[in-house]
Amino acid sequence: MINSGAEANENALKLASFYNNRRRVVSFKKSFHGRTSAAVRVTDIPKYIAPINEGLDVTFVEFNDIKAVREELQKGDVSSVIIEGIQGVGGIQIPDDQFIRDLRAVCTETNTVLILDEIQSGYGRSGKFFAHQYAGIRPDIITVAKGICNGLPMAGLIISPIFTPVYGQLGTTFGGNHLACAGAIAVLDIIEEEHLVENAAKVGEFLLNELKTFPQIREVRGRGLMIGLEFDQPIKEIRTKLLYEQKVFTGVAGTNTIRLLPPLCLTMDEAKEFLSRFKKCL
């Protein structure tokens, strides 16, 4: 266990590097993987990168461009490819299912570690337990955090049997926290007992279908209860009205995109109430 999502990605990159002794990492444009040293380096936000972070050799390629990925991996110096199950900060950008399957195949062909960052998109958020399950593939490393302990700081790695774990190889001050472990087990129990993954899929599909009928929204993207609403103009005024007049808090990605990340227990009635309040702000 580790105590932040960024550290989860950090340790995933270290593990991949130990596995095949290659230096370079392939990441994707508009990606976000955290704010620790290596994690911030594979994040496509240049202003986050301090000079001390610049040592890791990273190549950013276009999202959903398997040809570009293949060209980089065939050079033989890439340790790993890291990709979000759904890009969150990038504006709820969804990888094409066939692209993910092709990515899995080319990583296998070139002995490159495939890291799925499911820190935002995992634990039922997308309507499946992990977003990459829509493509039916198995990554080599999955990083998890956020939903894993329902707000209590915790993160972790799920690793393939191709790795031989070494005791003490990955360490952190708060690793192995018994309280966090108890919380994570309780969260899994509640997810199963209350059918929260299925609820996210059902209510999310309803919201997506309804929001696509709003003529003011340029594009609606999402899976489950991870939804992006892109407008032709800045959305600051809409979000302000939602918050102060309708008491609805929303997220943001860039200037023109609203992010919806409601709790997985959101009911159908609550979803309808949101739509009613949202219409008043448009």
Protein backbone atom coordinates (compact mmCIF):
# COMPACT_ATOMS: atom_id res chain seq x y z
CA MET A 1 0.00 0.00 0.00
CA ILE A 2 1.08 3.52 -0.68
CA ASN A 3 -0.47 6.75 0.40
CA SER A 4 -1.17 8.63 -2.82
CA GLY A 5 -2.18 7.99 -6.39
CA ALA A 6 0.90 9.79 -7.70
CA GLU A 7 3.13 7.44 -5.70
CA ALA A 8 1.23 4.48 -7.15
CA ASN A 9 2.16 5.62 -10.66
CA GLU A 10 5.71 6.41 -9.48
CA ASN A 11 6.18 2.87 -8.21
CA ALA A 12 4.59 1.36 -11.31
CA LEU A 13 7.17 3.15 -13.47
CA LYS A 14 9.99 1.97 -11.20
CA LEU A 15 8.77 -1.61 -11.37
CA ALA A 16 8.56 -1.48 -15.16
CA SER A 17 12.10 -0.10 -15.35
CA PHE A 18 13.45 -2.82 -13.04
CA TYR A 19 11.70 -5.45 -15.15
CA ASN A 20 13.42 -4.78 -18.47
CA ASN A 21 16.17 -2.20 -17.78
CA ARG A 22 14.96 0.25 -20.43
CA ARG A 23 14.96 3.99 -19.88
CA ARG A 24 12.16 5.53 -21.93
CA VAL A 25 8.42 5.76 -21.21
CA VAL A 26 5.59 6.39 -23.66
CA SER A 27 2.67 8.46 -22.40
CA PHE A 28 -0.18 10.29 -24.12
CA LYS A 29 -1.04 13.88 -24.87
CA LYS A 30 -3.46 15.50 -22.38
CA SER A 31 -2.55 12.84 -19.81
CA PHE A 32 -2.43 13.36 -16.05
CA HIS A 33 -0.75 10.88 -13.70
CA GLY A 34 0.07 12.86 -10.55
CA ARG A 35 2.53 15.31 -9.03
CA THR A 36 5.43 13.26 -7.69
CA SER A 37 8.72 13.13 -9.58
CA ALA A 38 8.24 10.46 -12.27
CA ALA A 39 4.44 10.73 -12.28
CA VAL A 40 4.56 14.44 -13.08
CA ARG A 41 7.09 13.77 -15.85
CA VAL A 42 4.65 11.48 -17.68
CA THR A 43 1.89 14.08 -17.26
CA ASP A 44 1.37 16.23 -20.35
CA ILE A 45 1.25 19.56 -18.48
CA PRO A 46 4.65 21.23 -18.99
CA LYS A 47 4.17 23.85 -16.25
CA TYR A 48 4.03 21.07 -13.63
CA ILE A 49 7.52 19.81 -14.51
CA ALA A 50 10.40 21.27 -12.50
CA PRO A 51 14.02 20.89 -13.72
CA ILE A 52 14.57 18.08 -11.19
CA ASN A 53 11.81 16.05 -12.90
CA GLU A 54 13.30 16.24 -16.39
CA GLY A 55 15.68 13.27 -16.12
CA LEU A 56 13.12 10.65 -17.12
CA ASP A 57 12.98 10.23 -20.91
CA VAL A 58 9.31 10.43 -21.93
CA THR A 59 7.68 10.52 -25.36
CA PHE A 60 4.11 11.82 -25.63
CA VAL A 61 2.05 10.47 -28.53
CA GLU A 62 -1.47 11.23 -29.72
CA PHE A 63 -4.29 9.50 -27.89
CA ASN A 64 -5.76 6.54 -29.83
CA ASP A 65 -2.86 6.57 -32.35
CA ILE A 66 -1.62 2.96 -32.39
CA LYS A 67 0.71 3.62 -35.33
CA ALA A 68 2.62 6.23 -33.34
CA VAL A 69 2.86 3.91 -30.34
CA ARG A 70 4.10 1.03 -32.46
CA GLU A 71 6.80 3.20 -34.04
CA GLU A 72 8.13 4.19 -30.60
CA LEU A 73 8.03 0.69 -29.13
CA GLN A 74 9.84 -0.85 -32.09
CA LYS A 75 12.89 1.30 -31.24
CA GLY A 76 13.55 -1.11 -28.36
CA ASP A 77 14.31 1.36 -25.57
CA VAL A 78 10.83 1.81 -24.04
CA SER A 79 10.28 0.26 -20.61
CA SER A 80 6.57 0.96 -20.36
CA VAL A 81 3.47 2.59 -21.75
CA ILE A 82 1.24 4.38 -19.23
CA ILE A 83 -2.34 5.29 -20.07
CA GLU A 84 -5.44 6.33 -18.14
CA GLY A 85 -8.50 4.10 -18.33
CA ILE A 86 -10.33 7.34 -19.16
CA GLN A 87 -8.48 10.65 -19.26
CA GLY A 88 -9.89 12.79 -16.45
CA VAL A 89 -8.00 16.09 -16.35
CA GLY A 90 -7.69 15.83 -20.14
CA GLY A 91 -11.46 16.30 -20.43
CA ILE A 92 -13.00 12.80 -20.14
CA GLN A 93 -11.30 11.44 -23.23
CA ILE A 94 -12.14 7.76 -23.76
CA PRO A 95 -9.64 5.43 -25.41
CA ASP A 96 -11.11 3.45 -28.27
CA ASP A 97 -11.64 -0.19 -27.27
CA GLN A 98 -9.83 -1.49 -30.35
CA PHE A 99 -6.95 0.89 -29.65
CA ILE A 100 -6.59 -0.59 -26.15
CA ARG A 101 -6.62 -4.11 -27.57
CA ASP A 102 -4.00 -3.18 -30.17
CA LEU A 103 -1.96 -1.45 -27.45
CA ARG A 104 -2.00 -4.62 -25.37
CA ALA A 105 -0.86 -6.63 -28.40
CA VAL A 106 2.03 -4.36 -29.37
CA CYS A 107 3.24 -4.15 -25.76
CA THR A 108 3.29 -7.95 -25.61
CA GLU A 109 5.12 -8.18 -28.95
CA THR A 110 7.86 -5.76 -27.81
CA ASN A 111 8.10 -6.95 -24.18
CA THR A 112 6.94 -3.53 -23.00
CA VAL A 113 5.10 -3.14 -19.70
CA LEU A 114 1.53 -1.83 -20.07
CA ILE A 115 0.48 0.34 -17.10
CA LEU A 116 -3.21 1.23 -16.74
CA ASP A 117 -3.73 4.25 -14.51
CA GLU A 118 -7.20 3.55 -13.09
CA ILE A 119 -6.87 6.02 -10.22
CA GLN A 120 -9.75 8.19 -11.48
CA SER A 121 -11.56 5.70 -13.71
CA GLY A 122 -11.38 2.59 -11.51
CA TYR A 123 -13.44 1.15 -8.66
CA GLY A 124 -16.73 1.22 -10.53
CA ARG A 125 -16.58 4.80 -11.76
CA SER A 126 -16.96 3.84 -15.44
CA GLY A 127 -19.78 1.33 -14.97
CA LYS A 128 -17.30 -1.55 -14.86
CA PHE A 129 -14.88 -2.14 -12.01
CA PHE A 130 -12.03 -0.94 -14.26
CA ALA A 131 -12.50 1.12 -17.41
CA HIS A 132 -10.07 -1.04 -19.42
CA GLN A 133 -12.45 -3.99 -18.98
CA TYR A 134 -14.58 -2.54 -21.78
CA ALA A 135 -11.77 -3.63 -24.11
CA GLY A 136 -11.41 -7.07 -22.51
CA ILE A 137 -7.64 -6.85 -21.90
CA ARG A 138 -5.31 -7.47 -18.96
CA PRO A 139 -2.62 -4.86 -18.26
CA ASP A 140 0.71 -5.71 -16.60
CA ILE A 141 0.24 -3.12 -13.83
CA ILE A 142 -2.92 -1.37 -12.64
CA THR A 143 -2.62 1.63 -10.33
CA VAL A 144 -5.53 2.33 -7.98
CA ALA A 145 -6.38 5.09 -5.49
CA LYS A 146 -9.19 7.62 -4.81
CA GLY A 147 -12.23 5.29 -4.68
CA ILE A 148 -10.23 2.47 -3.09
CA CYS A 149 -10.88 3.77 0.45
CA ASN A 150 -13.75 6.23 0.00
CA GLY A 151 -11.72 9.33 0.89
CA LEU A 152 -9.19 7.91 3.34
CA PRO A 153 -5.75 8.30 1.67
CA MET A 154 -4.71 5.00 0.15
CA ALA A 155 -3.36 3.69 -3.14
CA GLY A 156 -1.89 0.49 -4.48
CA LEU A 157 -0.64 -1.56 -7.38
CA ILE A 158 -2.08 -4.68 -8.95
CA ILE A 159 0.75 -6.51 -10.70
CA SER A 160 1.03 -9.33 -13.21
CA PRO A 161 2.79 -12.61 -12.37
CA ILE A 162 5.50 -11.61 -14.85
CA PHE A 163 7.04 -9.58 -12.01
CA THR A 164 8.97 -11.18 -9.16
CA PRO A 165 8.23 -8.98 -6.15
CA VAL A 166 11.13 -8.37 -3.79
CA TYR A 167 10.37 -7.60 -0.15
CA GLY A 168 11.16 -3.94 0.56
CA GLN A 169 11.62 -3.05 -3.13
CA LEU A 170 8.85 -0.45 -3.00
CA GLY A 171 8.46 1.41 0.27
CA THR A 172 6.69 4.38 1.79
CA THR A 173 6.20 5.91 5.21
CA PHE A 174 2.51 5.01 5.39
CA GLY A 175 2.64 1.70 3.52
CA GLY A 176 0.81 -1.24 5.06
CA ASN A 177 -1.50 0.99 7.09
CA HIS A 178 -3.92 -1.27 8.95
CA LEU A 179 -6.68 1.35 9.15
CA ALA A 180 -6.49 1.95 5.39
CA CYS A 181 -6.59 -1.80 4.73
CA ALA A 182 -9.70 -2.19 6.90
CA GLY A 183 -11.32 0.75 5.11
CA ALA A 184 -10.51 -0.69 1.67
CA ILE A 185 -12.07 -4.04 2.59
CA ALA A 186 -15.20 -2.26 3.85
CA VAL A 187 -15.45 -0.30 0.60
CA LEU A 188 -15.32 -3.50 -1.47
CA ASP A 189 -18.04 -5.02 0.70
CA ILE A 190 -20.32 -2.00 0.21
CA ILE A 191 -19.66 -1.87 -3.55
CA GLU A 192 -20.76 -5.50 -3.81
CA GLU A 193 -23.68 -5.37 -1.36
CA GLU A 194 -25.20 -2.18 -2.79
CA HIS A 195 -24.44 -3.07 -6.44
CA LEU A 196 -22.71 0.27 -6.95
CA VAL A 197 -20.88 -0.68 -10.16
CA GLU A 198 -24.17 -1.70 -11.74
CA ASN A 199 -25.80 1.49 -10.42
CA ALA A 200 -23.05 3.63 -11.96
CA ALA A 201 -23.64 1.93 -15.31
CA LYS A 202 -27.43 2.35 -15.19
CA VAL A 203 -27.63 5.93 -13.88
CA GLY A 204 -24.65 6.96 -15.99
CA GLU A 205 -26.27 5.68 -19.17
CA PHE A 206 -29.43 7.62 -18.31
CA LEU A 207 -27.49 10.84 -17.72
CA LEU A 208 -25.45 10.45 -20.90
CA ASN A 209 -28.53 9.86 -23.03
CA GLU A 210 -30.41 12.81 -21.51
CA LEU A 211 -27.48 15.22 -21.69
CA LYS A 212 -27.00 14.44 -25.38
CA THR A 213 -30.42 16.01 -26.01
CA PHE A 214 -29.28 19.41 -24.65
CA PRO A 215 -28.62 21.58 -27.72
CA GLN A 216 -26.31 23.94 -25.79
CA ILE A 217 -23.71 21.18 -25.22
CA ARG A 218 -21.27 20.68 -28.06
CA GLU A 219 -20.22 17.13 -27.06
CA VAL A 220 -21.06 14.70 -24.29
CA ARG A 221 -18.41 12.08 -23.45
CA GLY A 222 -18.25 9.47 -20.76
CA ARG A 223 -18.82 6.03 -19.36
CA GLY A 224 -20.76 5.30 -16.21
CA LEU A 225 -20.57 8.21 -13.80
CA MET A 226 -17.46 9.77 -15.37
CA ILE A 227 -18.90 12.35 -17.76
CA GLY A 228 -17.52 15.33 -19.66
CA LEU A 229 -19.66 18.13 -21.15
CA GLU A 230 -17.83 20.23 -23.72
CA PHE A 231 -19.21 23.63 -24.72
CA ASP A 232 -18.28 26.05 -27.50
CA GLN A 233 -17.65 28.78 -24.94
CA PRO A 234 -16.05 29.02 -21.47
CA ILE A 235 -18.16 27.35 -18.80
CA LYS A 236 -17.20 29.50 -15.80
CA GLU A 237 -20.56 31.34 -15.73
CA ILE A 238 -22.56 28.10 -16.00
CA ARG A 239 -20.61 26.49 -13.14
CA THR A 240 -21.02 29.60 -11.01
CA LYS A 241 -24.80 29.56 -11.54
CA LEU A 242 -24.92 25.85 -10.78
CA LEU A 243 -23.03 26.33 -7.54
CA TYR A 244 -24.56 29.52 -6.13
CA GLU A 245 -28.09 29.38 -7.53
CA GLN A 246 -28.73 25.62 -7.78
CA LYS A 247 -26.30 24.35 -5.10
CA VAL A 248 -24.72 21.84 -7.49
CA PHE A 249 -20.93 21.43 -7.47
CA THR A 250 -19.24 20.26 -10.67
CA GLY A 251 -15.67 19.70 -11.80
CA VAL A 252 -13.84 21.26 -14.72
CA ALA A 253 -11.31 20.28 -17.38
CA GLY A 254 -9.76 23.18 -19.23
CA THR A 255 -11.84 26.22 -20.12
CA ASN A 256 -14.82 24.71 -21.92
CA THR A 257 -15.48 21.32 -20.30
CA ILE A 258 -17.53 20.48 -17.21
CA ARG A 259 -16.68 17.21 -15.45
CA LEU A 260 -19.37 15.23 -13.68
CA LEU A 261 -18.06 12.77 -11.08
CA PRO A 262 -21.00 12.12 -8.72
CA PRO A 263 -20.91 9.40 -6.05
CA LEU A 264 -21.60 5.88 -7.29
CA CYS A 265 -24.69 5.71 -5.07
CA LEU A 266 -26.37 8.47 -7.09
CA THR A 267 -30.04 7.54 -7.53
CA MET A 268 -32.14 7.96 -10.64
CA ASP A 269 -34.25 10.58 -8.86
CA GLU A 270 -31.12 12.55 -7.93
CA ALA A 271 -29.92 12.35 -11.53
CA LYS A 272 -33.27 13.76 -12.73
CA GLU A 273 -33.02 16.54 -10.12
CA PHE A 274 -29.57 17.45 -11.42
CA LEU A 275 -30.84 17.60 -15.00
CA SER A 276 -33.67 19.89 -13.94
CA ARG A 277 -31.32 22.27 -12.14
CA PHE A 278 -28.78 22.14 -14.95
CA LYS A 279 -31.40 23.17 -17.53
CA LYS A 280 -32.17 26.29 -15.49
CA CYS A 281 -28.53 27.38 -15.76
CA LEU A 282 -28.46 26.97 -19.52
